[in-house]
Amino acid sequence: MKREYHRWHSPSLGRDMELLIFGHAGARVLVFPTSQGRFYEWEDRGMTSALGEHLERGWIQLCCVDSVDAESWYARWRHPPSAPGGRSSTTGISSPRSCRSPGKSTAIHS
């Protein structure tokens, strides 16, 4: 089975990012590691072998990306970017009120 390793420097994260691509053709499947996992996790845990026939026949191609958990979900040292109105200063997207306010939650009934 075809296996490619790629690595490049991310200026946004200030570190190298790595990924593995398995297969030569087919529908591209973006594969994320588990929480705080790494790009090689699917291969180490036998998932690429389990999908071997699909990869060999060119039905699918896996793109196993690295995690950014240390820079996002688990970056307890980092305060989320914010702007007035609860909008992200980088995306401009409003977060749901329940995510912004530590107060009471409101159930919605249909």
PDB file of N, CA and C in Angstrom:
ATOM      1  N   MET A   1       0.852  -1.179   0.000  1.00  0.00           N
ATOM      2  CA  MET A   1       0.000   0.000   0.000  1.00  0.00           C
ATOM      3  C   MET A   1       0.892   1.235   0.000  1.00  0.00           C
ATOM      4  N   LYS A   2       0.483   2.239  -0.746  1.00  0.00           N
ATOM      5  CA  LYS A   2       1.269   3.470  -0.834  1.00  0.00           C
ATOM      6  C   LYS A   2       1.144   4.265   0.470  1.00  0.00           C
ATOM      7  N   ARG A   3       2.307   4.736   0.968  1.00  0.00           N
ATOM      8  CA  ARG A   3       2.363   5.508   2.214  1.00  0.00           C
ATOM      9  C   ARG A   3       3.303   6.684   1.992  1.00  0.00           C
ATOM     10  N   GLU A   4       2.802   7.904   2.240  1.00  0.00           N
ATOM     11  CA  GLU A   4       3.614   9.107   2.087  1.00  0.00           C
ATOM     12  C   GLU A   4       3.655   9.871   3.403  1.00  0.00           C
ATOM     13  N   TYR A   5       4.853  10.353   3.748  1.00  0.00           N
ATOM     14  CA  TYR A   5       5.031  11.182   4.933  1.00  0.00           C
ATOM     15  C   TYR A   5       5.299  12.613   4.474  1.00  0.00           C
ATOM     16  N   HIS A   6       4.615  13.575   5.107  1.00  0.00           N
ATOM     17  CA  HIS A   6       4.810  14.988   4.795  1.00  0.00           C
ATOM     18  C   HIS A   6       5.041  15.762   6.096  1.00  0.00           C
ATOM     19  N   ARG A   7       5.897  16.805   6.000  1.00  0.00           N
ATOM     20  CA  ARG A   7       6.190  17.653   7.158  1.00  0.00           C
ATOM     21  C   ARG A   7       6.473  19.060   6.659  1.00  0.00           C
ATOM     22  N   TRP A   8       5.926  20.059   7.347  1.00  0.00           N
ATOM     23  CA  TRP A   8       6.192  21.447   7.012  1.00  0.00           C
ATOM     24  C   TRP A   8       6.059  22.299   8.265  1.00  0.00           C
ATOM     25  N   HIS A   9       6.621  23.483   8.217  1.00  0.00           N
ATOM     26  CA  HIS A   9       6.560  24.398   9.355  1.00  0.00           C
ATOM     27  C   HIS A   9       5.305  25.258   9.260  1.00  0.00           C
ATOM     28  N   SER A  10       4.542  25.325  10.344  1.00  0.00           N
ATOM     29  CA  SER A  10       3.361  26.177  10.417  1.00  0.00           C
ATOM     30  C   SER A  10       3.728  27.477  11.121  1.00  0.00           C
ATOM     31  N   PRO A  11       3.707  28.605  10.388  1.00  0.00           N
ATOM     32  CA  PRO A  11       4.002  29.881  11.032  1.00  0.00           C
ATOM     33  C   PRO A  11       2.941  30.253  12.072  1.00  0.00           C
ATOM     34  N   SER A  12       1.712  29.815  11.858  1.00  0.00           N
ATOM     35  CA  SER A  12       0.624  30.131  12.800  1.00  0.00           C
ATOM     36  C   SER A  12       0.837  29.465  14.150  1.00  0.00           C
ATOM     37  N   LEU A  13       1.312  28.221  14.132  1.00  0.00           N
ATOM     38  CA  LEU A  13       1.535  27.481  15.377  1.00  0.00           C
ATOM     39  C   LEU A  13       2.961  27.607  15.879  1.00  0.00           C
ATOM     40  N   GLY A  14       3.861  28.002  15.011  1.00  0.00           N
ATOM     41  CA  GLY A  14       5.258  28.118  15.400  1.00  0.00           C
ATOM     42  C   GLY A  14       5.936  26.771  15.600  1.00  0.00           C
ATOM     43  N   ARG A  15       5.452  25.755  14.898  1.00  0.00           N
ATOM     44  CA  ARG A  15       6.042  24.420  15.008  1.00  0.00           C
ATOM     45  C   ARG A  15       5.806  23.633  13.728  1.00  0.00           C
ATOM     46  N   ASP A  16       6.510  22.527  13.591  1.00  0.00           N
ATOM     47  CA  ASP A  16       6.326  21.658  12.434  1.00  0.00           C
ATOM     48  C   ASP A  16       5.032  20.871  12.568  1.00  0.00           C
ATOM     49  N   MET A  17       4.381  20.655  11.439  1.00  0.00           N
ATOM     50  CA  MET A  17       3.178  19.825  11.372  1.00  0.00           C
ATOM     51  C   MET A  17       3.506  18.631  10.485  1.00  0.00           C
ATOM     52  N   GLU A  18       2.955  17.464  10.848  1.00  0.00           N
ATOM     53  CA  GLU A  18       3.231  16.242  10.108  1.00  0.00           C
ATOM     54  C   GLU A  18       1.930  15.547   9.729  1.00  0.00           C
ATOM     55  N   LEU A  19       1.964  14.773   8.648  1.00  0.00           N
ATOM     56  CA  LEU A  19       0.806  13.979   8.253  1.00  0.00           C
ATOM     57  C   LEU A  19       1.257  12.779   7.442  1.00  0.00           C
ATOM     58  N   LEU A  20       0.392  11.781   7.381  1.00  0.00           N
ATOM     59  CA  LEU A  20       0.616  10.585   6.575  1.00  0.00           C
ATOM     60  C   LEU A  20      -0.536  10.451   5.593  1.00  0.00           C
ATOM     61  N   ILE A  21      -0.216  10.044   4.378  1.00  0.00           N
ATOM     62  CA  ILE A  21      -1.242   9.761   3.371  1.00  0.00           C
ATOM     63  C   ILE A  21      -1.096   8.299   2.982  1.00  0.00           C
ATOM     64  N   PHE A  22      -2.209   7.564   3.027  1.00  0.00           N
ATOM     65  CA  PHE A  22      -2.242   6.156   2.653  1.00  0.00           C
ATOM     66  C   PHE A  22      -3.147   5.987   1.445  1.00  0.00           C
ATOM     67  N   GLY A  23      -2.715   5.158   0.499  1.00  0.00           N
ATOM     68  CA  GLY A  23      -3.494   4.887  -0.696  1.00  0.00           C
ATOM     69  C   GLY A  23      -3.034   5.722  -1.869  1.00  0.00           C
ATOM     70  N   HIS A  24      -3.465   5.307  -3.061  1.00  0.00           N
ATOM     71  CA  HIS A  24      -3.037   5.974  -4.288  1.00  0.00           C
ATOM     72  C   HIS A  24      -4.172   6.673  -5.021  1.00  0.00           C
ATOM     73  N   ALA A  25      -5.417   6.368  -4.669  1.00  0.00           N
ATOM     74  CA  ALA A  25      -6.572   6.952  -5.354  1.00  0.00           C
ATOM     75  C   ALA A  25      -7.810   6.747  -4.498  1.00  0.00           C
ATOM     76  N   GLY A  26      -8.939   7.242  -4.990  1.00  0.00           N
ATOM     77  CA  GLY A  26     -10.213   7.021  -4.314  1.00  0.00           C
ATOM     78  C   GLY A  26     -10.695   8.224  -3.541  1.00  0.00           C
ATOM     79  N   ALA A  27     -11.803   8.036  -2.864  1.00  0.00           N
ATOM     80  CA  ALA A  27     -12.394   9.099  -2.047  1.00  0.00           C
ATOM     81  C   ALA A  27     -11.423   9.458  -0.931  1.00  0.00           C
ATOM     82  N   ARG A  28     -11.177  10.732  -0.768  1.00  0.00           N
ATOM     83  CA  ARG A  28     -10.235  11.173   0.272  1.00  0.00           C
ATOM     84  C   ARG A  28     -10.953  11.284   1.606  1.00  0.00           C
ATOM     85  N   VAL A  29     -10.351  10.667   2.606  1.00  0.00           N
ATOM     86  CA  VAL A  29     -10.909  10.648   3.957  1.00  0.00           C
ATOM     87  C   VAL A  29      -9.927  11.365   4.881  1.00  0.00           C
ATOM     88  N   LEU A  30     -10.399  12.425   5.519  1.00  0.00           N
ATOM     89  CA  LEU A  30      -9.575  13.173   6.461  1.00  0.00           C
ATOM     90  C   LEU A  30      -9.693  12.510   7.823  1.00  0.00           C
ATOM     91  N   VAL A  31      -8.557  12.069   8.367  1.00  0.00           N
ATOM     92  CA  VAL A  31      -8.532  11.292   9.602  1.00  0.00           C
ATOM     93  C   VAL A  31      -7.879  12.116  10.712  1.00  0.00           C
ATOM     94  N   PHE A  32      -8.597  12.273  11.819  1.00  0.00           N
ATOM     95  CA  PHE A  32      -8.081  12.994  12.978  1.00  0.00           C
ATOM     96  C   PHE A  32      -7.688  11.999  14.067  1.00  0.00           C
ATOM     97  N   PRO A  33      -6.618  12.279  14.801  1.00  0.00           N
ATOM     98  CA  PRO A  33      -6.246  11.401  15.915  1.00  0.00           C
ATOM     99  C   PRO A  33      -7.203  11.611  17.096  1.00  0.00           C
ATOM    100  N   THR A  34      -7.125  10.708  18.053  1.00  0.00           N
ATOM    101  CA  THR A  34      -7.919  10.880  19.261  1.00  0.00           C
ATOM    102  C   THR A  34      -7.353  12.047  20.064  1.00  0.00           C
ATOM    103  N   SER A  35      -7.984  12.377  21.159  1.00  0.00           N
ATOM    104  CA  SER A  35      -7.572  13.505  21.989  1.00  0.00           C
ATOM    105  C   SER A  35      -6.089  13.419  22.350  1.00  0.00           C
ATOM    106  N   GLN A  36      -5.355  14.447  22.007  1.00  0.00           N
ATOM    107  CA  GLN A  36      -3.914  14.572  22.212  1.00  0.00           C
ATOM    108  C   GLN A  36      -3.108  13.480  21.507  1.00  0.00           C
ATOM    109  N   GLY A  37      -3.712  12.869  20.481  1.00  0.00           N
ATOM    110  CA  GLY A  37      -3.029  11.843  19.704  1.00  0.00           C
ATOM    111  C   GLY A  37      -2.128  12.459  18.648  1.00  0.00           C
ATOM    112  N   ARG A  38      -1.503  11.611  17.852  1.00  0.00           N
ATOM    113  CA  ARG A  38      -0.585  12.057  16.809  1.00  0.00           C
ATOM    114  C   ARG A  38      -1.021  11.519  15.457  1.00  0.00           C
ATOM    115  N   PHE A  39      -0.418  12.025  14.406  1.00  0.00           N
ATOM    116  CA  PHE A  39      -0.777  11.686  13.034  1.00  0.00           C
ATOM    117  C   PHE A  39      -0.581  10.207  12.707  1.00  0.00           C
ATOM    118  N   TYR A  40       0.306   9.510  13.393  1.00  0.00           N
ATOM    119  CA  TYR A  40       0.612   8.107  13.112  1.00  0.00           C
ATOM    120  C   TYR A  40      -0.277   7.130  13.893  1.00  0.00           C
ATOM    121  N   GLU A  41      -1.215   7.650  14.657  1.00  0.00           N
ATOM    122  CA  GLU A  41      -2.048   6.817  15.526  1.00  0.00           C
ATOM    123  C   GLU A  41      -2.857   5.755  14.759  1.00  0.00           C
ATOM    124  N   TRP A  42      -3.464   6.139  13.643  1.00  0.00           N
ATOM    125  CA  TRP A  42      -4.283   5.174  12.901  1.00  0.00           C
ATOM    126  C   TRP A  42      -3.440   4.003  12.406  1.00  0.00           C
ATOM    127  N   GLU A  43      -2.237   4.291  11.957  1.00  0.00           N
ATOM    128  CA  GLU A  43      -1.339   3.234  11.500  1.00  0.00           C
ATOM    129  C   GLU A  43      -0.906   2.354  12.674  1.00  0.00           C
ATOM    130  N   ASP A  44      -0.522   2.972  13.790  1.00  0.00           N
ATOM    131  CA  ASP A  44      -0.071   2.222  14.972  1.00  0.00           C
ATOM    132  C   ASP A  44      -1.156   1.314  15.535  1.00  0.00           C
ATOM    133  N   ARG A  45      -2.387   1.732  15.428  1.00  0.00           N
ATOM    134  CA  ARG A  45      -3.493   0.951  16.017  1.00  0.00           C
ATOM    135  C   ARG A  45      -4.140  -0.021  15.033  1.00  0.00           C
ATOM    136  N   GLY A  46      -3.548  -0.158  13.837  1.00  0.00           N
ATOM    137  CA  GLY A  46      -4.017  -1.162  12.884  1.00  0.00           C
ATOM    138  C   GLY A  46      -5.186  -0.759  12.006  1.00  0.00           C
ATOM    139  N   MET A  47      -5.575   0.484  12.049  1.00  0.00           N
ATOM    140  CA  MET A  47      -6.726   0.908  11.235  1.00  0.00           C
ATOM    141  C   MET A  47      -6.410   0.891   9.742  1.00  0.00           C
ATOM    142  N   THR A  48      -5.175   1.238   9.378  1.00  0.00           N
ATOM    143  CA  THR A  48      -4.810   1.210   7.962  1.00  0.00           C
ATOM    144  C   THR A  48      -4.789  -0.229   7.444  1.00  0.00           C
ATOM    145  N   SER A  49      -4.376  -1.156   8.286  1.00  0.00           N
ATOM    146  CA  SER A  49      -4.405  -2.576   7.896  1.00  0.00           C
ATOM    147  C   SER A  49      -5.838  -3.065   7.743  1.00  0.00           C
ATOM    148  N   ALA A  50      -6.707  -2.634   8.653  1.00  0.00           N
ATOM    149  CA  ALA A  50      -8.114  -3.040   8.583  1.00  0.00           C
ATOM    150  C   ALA A  50      -8.777  -2.532   7.302  1.00  0.00           C
ATOM    151  N   LEU A  51      -8.307  -1.388   6.806  1.00  0.00           N
ATOM    152  CA  LEU A  51      -8.855  -0.804   5.574  1.00  0.00           C
ATOM    153  C   LEU A  51      -7.979  -1.117   4.363  1.00  0.00           C
ATOM    154  N   GLY A  52      -7.075  -2.077   4.514  1.00  0.00           N
ATOM    155  CA  GLY A  52      -6.104  -2.413   3.483  1.00  0.00           C
ATOM    156  C   GLY A  52      -6.694  -2.671   2.107  1.00  0.00           C
ATOM    157  N   GLU A  53      -7.745  -3.468   2.027  1.00  0.00           N
ATOM    158  CA  GLU A  53      -8.348  -3.778   0.724  1.00  0.00           C
ATOM    159  C   GLU A  53      -8.886  -2.508   0.058  1.00  0.00           C
ATOM    160  N   HIS A  54      -9.529  -1.667   0.824  1.00  0.00           N
ATOM    161  CA  HIS A  54     -10.082  -0.419   0.283  1.00  0.00           C
ATOM    162  C   HIS A  54      -8.973   0.504  -0.225  1.00  0.00           C
ATOM    163  N   LEU A  55      -7.849   0.519   0.506  1.00  0.00           N
ATOM    164  CA  LEU A  55      -6.713   1.345   0.104  1.00  0.00           C
ATOM    165  C   LEU A  55      -6.014   0.765  -1.122  1.00  0.00           C
ATOM    166  N   GLU A  56      -5.791  -0.551  -1.142  1.00  0.00           N
ATOM    167  CA  GLU A  56      -5.106  -1.213  -2.259  1.00  0.00           C
ATOM    168  C   GLU A  56      -5.895  -1.105  -3.566  1.00  0.00           C
ATOM    169  N   ARG A  57      -7.206  -1.201  -3.484  1.00  0.00           N
ATOM    170  CA  ARG A  57      -8.039  -1.145  -4.689  1.00  0.00           C
ATOM    171  C   ARG A  57      -8.326   0.286  -5.162  1.00  0.00           C
ATOM    172  N   GLY A  58      -7.860   1.263  -4.381  1.00  0.00           N
ATOM    173  CA  GLY A  58      -8.070   2.655  -4.783  1.00  0.00           C
ATOM    174  C   GLY A  58      -9.466   3.167  -4.514  1.00  0.00           C
ATOM    175  N   TRP A  59     -10.157   2.542  -3.573  1.00  0.00           N
ATOM    176  CA  TRP A  59     -11.505   3.005  -3.228  1.00  0.00           C
ATOM    177  C   TRP A  59     -11.443   4.230  -2.321  1.00  0.00           C
ATOM    178  N   ILE A  60     -10.450   4.240  -1.418  1.00  0.00           N
ATOM    179  CA  ILE A  60     -10.283   5.372  -0.505  1.00  0.00           C
ATOM    180  C   ILE A  60      -8.805   5.747  -0.388  1.00  0.00           C
ATOM    181  N   GLN A  61      -8.586   6.954   0.081  1.00  0.00           N
ATOM    182  CA  GLN A  61      -7.251   7.448   0.387  1.00  0.00           C
ATOM    183  C   GLN A  61      -7.358   8.152   1.734  1.00  0.00           C
ATOM    184  N   LEU A  62      -6.507   7.787   2.692  1.00  0.00           N
ATOM    185  CA  LEU A  62      -6.545   8.374   4.030  1.00  0.00           C
ATOM    186  C   LEU A  62      -5.508   9.483   4.162  1.00  0.00           C
ATOM    187  N   CYS A  63      -5.917  10.595   4.727  1.00  0.00           N
ATOM    188  CA  CYS A  63      -5.008  11.691   5.051  1.00  0.00           C
ATOM    189  C   CYS A  63      -5.051  11.853   6.571  1.00  0.00           C
ATOM    190  N   CYS A  64      -4.023  11.338   7.245  1.00  0.00           N
ATOM    191  CA  CYS A  64      -3.969  11.325   8.707  1.00  0.00           C
ATOM    192  C   CYS A  64      -3.206  12.554   9.192  1.00  0.00           C
ATOM    193  N   VAL A  65      -3.923  13.526   9.730  1.00  0.00           N
ATOM    194  CA  VAL A  65      -3.323  14.792  10.152  1.00  0.00           C
ATOM    195  C   VAL A  65      -2.906  14.756  11.615  1.00  0.00           C
ATOM    196  N   ASP A  66      -2.031  15.676  11.974  1.00  0.00           N
ATOM    197  CA  ASP A  66      -1.555  15.788  13.343  1.00  0.00           C
ATOM    198  C   ASP A  66      -2.559  16.581  14.180  1.00  0.00           C
ATOM    199  N   SER A  67      -2.415  16.510  15.470  1.00  0.00           N
ATOM    200  CA  SER A  67      -3.303  17.187  16.409  1.00  0.00           C
ATOM    201  C   SER A  67      -2.790  18.581  16.757  1.00  0.00           C
ATOM    202  N   VAL A  68      -3.716  19.474  17.053  1.00  0.00           N
ATOM    203  CA  VAL A  68      -3.351  20.792  17.577  1.00  0.00           C
ATOM    204  C   VAL A  68      -3.979  20.979  18.962  1.00  0.00           C
ATOM    205  N   ASP A  69      -4.260  19.866  19.628  1.00  0.00           N
ATOM    206  CA  ASP A  69      -4.899  19.923  20.946  1.00  0.00           C
ATOM    207  C   ASP A  69      -4.097  20.739  21.957  1.00  0.00           C
ATOM    208  N   ALA A  70      -2.774  20.619  21.924  1.00  0.00           N
ATOM    209  CA  ALA A  70      -1.935  21.351  22.887  1.00  0.00           C
ATOM    210  C   ALA A  70      -2.046  22.858  22.697  1.00  0.00           C
ATOM    211  N   GLU A  71      -2.371  23.282  21.468  1.00  0.00           N
ATOM    212  CA  GLU A  71      -2.501  24.704  21.181  1.00  0.00           C
ATOM    213  C   GLU A  71      -3.952  25.180  21.231  1.00  0.00           C
ATOM    214  N   SER A  72      -4.898  24.269  21.468  1.00  0.00           N
ATOM    215  CA  SER A  72      -6.310  24.658  21.459  1.00  0.00           C
ATOM    216  C   SER A  72      -7.033  24.173  22.714  1.00  0.00           C
ATOM    217  N   TRP A  73      -7.650  23.008  22.663  1.00  0.00           N
ATOM    218  CA  TRP A  73      -8.473  22.503  23.770  1.00  0.00           C
ATOM    219  C   TRP A  73      -7.724  22.418  25.099  1.00  0.00           C
ATOM    220  N   TYR A  74      -6.458  22.002  25.063  1.00  0.00           N
ATOM    221  CA  TYR A  74      -5.710  21.778  26.293  1.00  0.00           C
ATOM    222  C   TYR A  74      -4.736  22.906  26.629  1.00  0.00           C
ATOM    223  N   ALA A  75      -4.863  24.036  25.972  1.00  0.00           N
ATOM    224  CA  ALA A  75      -4.000  25.196  26.244  1.00  0.00           C
ATOM    225  C   ALA A  75      -4.617  26.004  27.379  1.00  0.00           C
ATOM    226  N   ARG A  76      -4.550  25.476  28.573  1.00  0.00           N
ATOM    227  CA  ARG A  76      -5.154  26.128  29.743  1.00  0.00           C
ATOM    228  C   ARG A  76      -4.510  27.486  30.029  1.00  0.00           C
ATOM    229  N   TRP A  77      -3.275  27.670  29.609  1.00  0.00           N
ATOM    230  CA  TRP A  77      -2.525  28.902  29.818  1.00  0.00           C
ATOM    231  C   TRP A  77      -2.988  30.020  28.893  1.00  0.00           C
ATOM    232  N   ARG A  78      -3.760  29.683  27.870  1.00  0.00           N
ATOM    233  CA  ARG A  78      -4.125  30.639  26.844  1.00  0.00           C
ATOM    234  C   ARG A  78      -5.573  31.084  26.986  1.00  0.00           C
ATOM    235  N   HIS A  79      -5.800  32.369  26.973  1.00  0.00           N
ATOM    236  CA  HIS A  79      -7.160  32.902  27.027  1.00  0.00           C
ATOM    237  C   HIS A  79      -7.728  32.927  25.619  1.00  0.00           C
ATOM    238  N   PRO A  80      -8.998  32.528  25.450  1.00  0.00           N
ATOM    239  CA  PRO A  80      -9.582  32.553  24.107  1.00  0.00           C
ATOM    240  C   PRO A  80      -9.630  33.982  23.564  1.00  0.00           C
ATOM    241  N   PRO A  81      -9.366  34.163  22.264  1.00  0.00           N
ATOM    242  CA  PRO A  81      -9.479  35.507  21.700  1.00  0.00           C
ATOM    243  C   PRO A  81     -10.929  35.966  21.748  1.00  0.00           C
ATOM    244  N   SER A  82     -11.141  37.206  22.126  1.00  0.00           N
ATOM    245  CA  SER A  82     -12.522  37.679  22.181  1.00  0.00           C
ATOM    246  C   SER A  82     -12.571  39.155  21.832  1.00  0.00           C
ATOM    247  N   ALA A  83     -13.744  39.583  21.479  1.00  0.00           N
ATOM    248  CA  ALA A  83     -14.014  40.975  21.140  1.00  0.00           C
ATOM    249  C   ALA A  83     -15.383  41.310  21.712  1.00  0.00           C
ATOM    250  N   PRO A  84     -15.774  42.566  21.729  1.00  0.00           N
ATOM    251  CA  PRO A  84     -17.090  42.923  22.260  1.00  0.00           C
ATOM    252  C   PRO A  84     -18.207  42.120  21.598  1.00  0.00           C
ATOM    253  N   GLY A  85     -19.164  41.714  22.373  1.00  0.00           N
ATOM    254  CA  GLY A  85     -20.302  40.960  21.854  1.00  0.00           C
ATOM    255  C   GLY A  85     -20.061  39.472  21.788  1.00  0.00           C
ATOM    256  N   GLY A  86     -18.949  38.996  22.345  1.00  0.00           N
ATOM    257  CA  GLY A  86     -18.678  37.562  22.360  1.00  0.00           C
ATOM    258  C   GLY A  86     -18.221  37.015  21.028  1.00  0.00           C
ATOM    259  N   ARG A  87     -17.795  37.864  20.115  1.00  0.00           N
ATOM    260  CA  ARG A  87     -17.335  37.396  18.806  1.00  0.00           C
ATOM    261  C   ARG A  87     -15.840  37.116  18.855  1.00  0.00           C
ATOM    262  N   SER A  88     -15.451  36.094  18.162  1.00  0.00           N
ATOM    263  CA  SER A  88     -14.032  35.793  18.043  1.00  0.00           C
ATOM    264  C   SER A  88     -13.378  36.878  17.217  1.00  0.00           C
ATOM    265  N   SER A  89     -12.262  37.387  17.679  1.00  0.00           N
ATOM    266  CA  SER A  89     -11.586  38.446  16.937  1.00  0.00           C
ATOM    267  C   SER A  89     -10.969  37.915  15.647  1.00  0.00           C
ATOM    268  N   THR A  90     -10.786  36.599  15.542  1.00  0.00           N
ATOM    269  CA  THR A  90     -10.177  36.059  14.333  1.00  0.00           C
ATOM    270  C   THR A  90     -11.210  35.605  13.314  1.00  0.00           C
ATOM    271  N   THR A  91     -12.375  35.127  13.769  1.00  0.00           N
ATOM    272  CA  THR A  91     -13.357  34.616  12.813  1.00  0.00           C
ATOM    273  C   THR A  91     -14.581  35.502  12.684  1.00  0.00           C
ATOM    274  N   GLY A  92     -14.882  36.300  13.700  1.00  0.00           N
ATOM    275  CA  GLY A  92     -16.071  37.124  13.663  1.00  0.00           C
ATOM    276  C   GLY A  92     -17.350  36.354  13.928  1.00  0.00           C
ATOM    277  N   ILE A  93     -17.238  35.097  14.337  1.00  0.00           N
ATOM    278  CA  ILE A  93     -18.406  34.256  14.576  1.00  0.00           C
ATOM    279  C   ILE A  93     -18.829  34.382  16.032  1.00  0.00           C
ATOM    280  N   SER A  94     -20.120  34.598  16.248  1.00  0.00           N
ATOM    281  CA  SER A  94     -20.634  34.668  17.612  1.00  0.00           C
ATOM    282  C   SER A  94     -20.728  33.280  18.198  1.00  0.00           C
ATOM    283  N   SER A  95     -20.362  33.159  19.459  1.00  0.00           N
ATOM    284  CA  SER A  95     -20.548  31.887  20.130  1.00  0.00           C
ATOM    285  C   SER A  95     -21.946  31.862  20.733  1.00  0.00           C
ATOM    286  N   PRO A  96     -22.536  30.659  20.860  1.00  0.00           N
ATOM    287  CA  PRO A  96     -23.872  30.574  21.453  1.00  0.00           C
ATOM    288  C   PRO A  96     -23.870  31.160  22.855  1.00  0.00           C
ATOM    289  N   ARG A  97     -24.997  31.733  23.243  1.00  0.00           N
ATOM    290  CA  ARG A  97     -25.104  32.382  24.543  1.00  0.00           C
ATOM    291  C   ARG A  97     -24.724  31.427  25.674  1.00  0.00           C
ATOM    292  N   SER A  98     -25.095  30.167  25.560  1.00  0.00           N
ATOM    293  CA  SER A  98     -24.776  29.215  26.633  1.00  0.00           C
ATOM    294  C   SER A  98     -23.262  29.017  26.769  1.00  0.00           C
ATOM    295  N   CYS A  99     -22.500  29.264  25.706  1.00  0.00           N
ATOM    296  CA  CYS A  99     -21.047  29.123  25.779  1.00  0.00           C
ATOM    297  C   CYS A  99     -20.395  30.360  26.383  1.00  0.00           C
ATOM    298  N   ARG A 100     -21.058  31.519  26.267  1.00  0.00           N
ATOM    299  CA  ARG A 100     -20.477  32.762  26.747  1.00  0.00           C
ATOM    300  C   ARG A 100     -20.835  33.044  28.190  1.00  0.00           C
ATOM    301  N   SER A 101     -22.066  32.706  28.580  1.00  0.00           N
ATOM    302  CA  SER A 101     -22.570  33.091  29.887  1.00  0.00           C
ATOM    303  C   SER A 101     -22.518  31.940  30.867  1.00  0.00           C
ATOM    304  N   PRO A 102     -21.868  32.119  32.002  1.00  0.00           N
ATOM    305  CA  PRO A 102     -21.842  31.047  32.990  1.00  0.00           C
ATOM    306  C   PRO A 102     -23.130  30.978  33.805  1.00  0.00           C
ATOM    307  N   GLY A 103     -24.109  31.790  33.459  1.00  0.00           N
ATOM    308  CA  GLY A 103     -25.384  31.849  34.201  1.00  0.00           C
ATOM    309  C   GLY A 103     -26.282  30.667  33.926  1.00  0.00           C
ATOM    310  N   LYS A 104     -27.618  30.883  34.124  1.00  0.00           N
ATOM    311  CA  LYS A 104     -28.596  29.806  33.943  1.00  0.00           C
ATOM    312  C   LYS A 104     -28.662  29.377  32.486  1.00  0.00           C
ATOM    313  N   SER A 105     -28.916  28.081  32.271  1.00  0.00           N
ATOM    314  CA  SER A 105     -29.156  27.595  30.910  1.00  0.00           C
ATOM    315  C   SER A 105     -30.653  27.580  30.673  1.00  0.00           C
ATOM    316  N   THR A 106     -31.048  27.754  29.452  1.00  0.00           N
ATOM    317  CA  THR A 106     -32.455  27.798  29.100  1.00  0.00           C
ATOM    318  C   THR A 106     -32.754  26.638  28.155  1.00  0.00           C
ATOM    319  N   ALA A 107     -33.749  25.827  28.492  1.00  0.00           N
ATOM    320  CA  ALA A 107     -34.140  24.729  27.623  1.00  0.00           C
ATOM    321  C   ALA A 107     -35.088  25.260  26.568  1.00  0.00           C
ATOM    322  N   ILE A 108     -34.956  24.747  25.363  1.00  0.00           N
ATOM    323  CA  ILE A 108     -35.849  25.129  24.259  1.00  0.00           C
ATOM    324  C   ILE A 108     -36.792  23.967  24.006  1.00  0.00           C
ATOM    325  N   HIS A 109     -38.079  24.259  24.054  1.00  0.00           N
ATOM    326  CA  HIS A 109     -39.097  23.218  23.828  1.00  0.00           C
ATOM    327  C   HIS A 109     -39.782  23.476  22.511  1.00  0.00           C
ATOM    328  N   SER A 110     -40.059  22.400  21.769  1.00  0.00           N
ATOM    329  CA  SER A 110     -40.760  22.579  20.497  1.00  0.00           C
ATOM    330  C   SER A 110     -42.195  22.158  20.601  1.00  0.00           C
TER     331      SER A 110
END
